[in-house]
Amino acid sequence: MTDKAWSAAMCPAENVTANAKCRNTKYPRSDVERFHVPDDKVDWVVDWLDYRPPTFTSPHASGKPWSDPEHRY
């Protein structure tokens, strides 16, 4: 499967419900605002040079075995 086909299968821009949990205005359990992503920019294969989301890691994720390595310990 090509990268574009993979992206379309996993996260099609027209299927907004696939991204409903991560497209709200704030990160869960925080007051940190998410960077708004319009529907036409949801697909990972879309180039978007102005995309600059905030750096945020939930304190809930720290020390968990499923978190990124820099947040596990």
C-alpha atoms as a PDB file:
ATOM      1  CA  MET A   1       0.000   0.000   0.000  1.00  0.00           C
ATOM      2  CA  THR A   2       1.387   3.415  -0.907  1.00  0.00           C
ATOM      3  CA  ASP A   3       1.804   6.130   1.737  1.00  0.00           C
ATOM      4  CA  LYS A   4      -1.070   8.085   0.214  1.00  0.00           C
ATOM      5  CA  ALA A   5      -3.362   5.028   0.174  1.00  0.00           C
ATOM      6  CA  TRP A   6      -2.382   4.199   3.753  1.00  0.00           C
ATOM      7  CA  SER A   7      -3.143   7.743   4.880  1.00  0.00           C
ATOM      8  CA  ALA A   8      -6.469   7.817   3.068  1.00  0.00           C
ATOM      9  CA  ALA A   9      -7.441   4.480   4.588  1.00  0.00           C
ATOM     10  CA  MET A  10      -6.458   5.450   8.117  1.00  0.00           C
ATOM     11  CA  CYS A  11      -7.425   9.111   8.280  1.00  0.00           C
ATOM     12  CA  PRO A  12      -9.497  10.366   5.345  1.00  0.00           C
ATOM     13  CA  ALA A  13     -10.200  14.096   5.516  1.00  0.00           C
ATOM     14  CA  GLU A  14     -13.871  13.574   4.699  1.00  0.00           C
ATOM     15  CA  ASN A  15     -14.253  11.211   7.675  1.00  0.00           C
ATOM     16  CA  VAL A  16     -14.057  13.794  10.441  1.00  0.00           C
ATOM     17  CA  THR A  17     -15.455  11.372  13.030  1.00  0.00           C
ATOM     18  CA  ALA A  18     -12.226   9.355  12.765  1.00  0.00           C
ATOM     19  CA  ASN A  19     -10.480  12.306  14.380  1.00  0.00           C
ATOM     20  CA  ALA A  20     -13.218  13.545  16.720  1.00  0.00           C
ATOM     21  CA  LYS A  21     -11.262  12.866  19.930  1.00  0.00           C
ATOM     22  CA  CYS A  22      -8.276  14.933  18.833  1.00  0.00           C
ATOM     23  CA  ARG A  23     -10.118  17.769  17.116  1.00  0.00           C
ATOM     24  CA  ASN A  24     -11.659  19.466  20.127  1.00  0.00           C
ATOM     25  CA  THR A  25     -10.413  22.847  21.305  1.00  0.00           C
ATOM     26  CA  LYS A  26      -8.356  21.776  24.332  1.00  0.00           C
ATOM     27  CA  TYR A  27      -6.184  18.837  25.266  1.00  0.00           C
ATOM     28  CA  PRO A  28      -7.982  16.493  27.715  1.00  0.00           C
ATOM     29  CA  ARG A  29      -7.660  17.427  31.380  1.00  0.00           C
ATOM     30  CA  SER A  30      -5.855  20.682  30.559  1.00  0.00           C
ATOM     31  CA  ASP A  31      -6.353  24.298  29.606  1.00  0.00           C
ATOM     32  CA  VAL A  32      -3.889  24.044  26.697  1.00  0.00           C
ATOM     33  CA  GLU A  33      -5.529  25.017  23.402  1.00  0.00           C
ATOM     34  CA  ARG A  34      -5.069  22.709  20.430  1.00  0.00           C
ATOM     35  CA  PHE A  35      -3.945  24.051  17.061  1.00  0.00           C
ATOM     36  CA  HIS A  36      -7.069  24.138  14.864  1.00  0.00           C
ATOM     37  CA  VAL A  37      -6.826  21.788  11.871  1.00  0.00           C
ATOM     38  CA  PRO A  38      -9.364  22.425   9.109  1.00  0.00           C
ATOM     39  CA  ASP A  39     -10.946  19.412   7.412  1.00  0.00           C
ATOM     40  CA  ASP A  40      -8.895  19.844   4.238  1.00  0.00           C
ATOM     41  CA  LYS A  41      -5.640  19.576   6.243  1.00  0.00           C
ATOM     42  CA  VAL A  42      -6.437  16.462   8.329  1.00  0.00           C
ATOM     43  CA  ASP A  43      -4.882  13.949   5.935  1.00  0.00           C
ATOM     44  CA  TRP A  44      -1.181  13.386   6.722  1.00  0.00           C
ATOM     45  CA  VAL A  45      -0.190  13.607   3.048  1.00  0.00           C
ATOM     46  CA  VAL A  46      -1.316  17.252   2.849  1.00  0.00           C
ATOM     47  CA  ASP A  47       1.603  19.683   3.055  1.00  0.00           C
ATOM     48  CA  TRP A  48       0.896  22.448   5.563  1.00  0.00           C
ATOM     49  CA  LEU A  49       3.917  24.603   6.312  1.00  0.00           C
ATOM     50  CA  ASP A  50       2.005  26.807   8.779  1.00  0.00           C
ATOM     51  CA  TYR A  51       1.137  23.872  11.055  1.00  0.00           C
ATOM     52  CA  ARG A  52       2.681  24.638  14.426  1.00  0.00           C
ATOM     53  CA  PRO A  53       0.890  22.811  17.226  1.00  0.00           C
ATOM     54  CA  PRO A  54       1.837  23.540  20.822  1.00  0.00           C
ATOM     55  CA  THR A  55       4.210  21.198  22.586  1.00  0.00           C
ATOM     56  CA  PHE A  56       2.096  19.343  25.125  1.00  0.00           C
ATOM     57  CA  THR A  57       2.443  16.138  27.099  1.00  0.00           C
ATOM     58  CA  SER A  58      -0.245  15.295  29.615  1.00  0.00           C
ATOM     59  CA  PRO A  59       1.063  14.681  33.118  1.00  0.00           C
ATOM     60  CA  HIS A  60      -1.141  11.565  32.971  1.00  0.00           C
ATOM     61  CA  ALA A  61       1.161  10.122  30.273  1.00  0.00           C
ATOM     62  CA  SER A  62       4.369  10.517  32.257  1.00  0.00           C
ATOM     63  CA  GLY A  63       5.851   7.242  33.429  1.00  0.00           C
ATOM     64  CA  LYS A  64       3.462   5.037  31.458  1.00  0.00           C
ATOM     65  CA  PRO A  65       4.883   2.123  29.420  1.00  0.00           C
ATOM     66  CA  TRP A  66       2.857   3.252  26.362  1.00  0.00           C
ATOM     67  CA  SER A  67       4.123   6.825  26.386  1.00  0.00           C
ATOM     68  CA  ASP A  68       6.961   8.074  24.206  1.00  0.00           C
ATOM     69  CA  PRO A  69      10.386   7.046  25.586  1.00  0.00           C
ATOM     70  CA  GLU A  70      11.297  10.548  26.784  1.00  0.00           C
ATOM     71  CA  HIS A  71       8.199  10.538  29.026  1.00  0.00           C
ATOM     72  CA  ARG A  72       8.445   7.038  30.484  1.00  0.00           C
ATOM     73  CA  TYR A  73      10.734   7.805  33.434  1.00  0.00           C
END
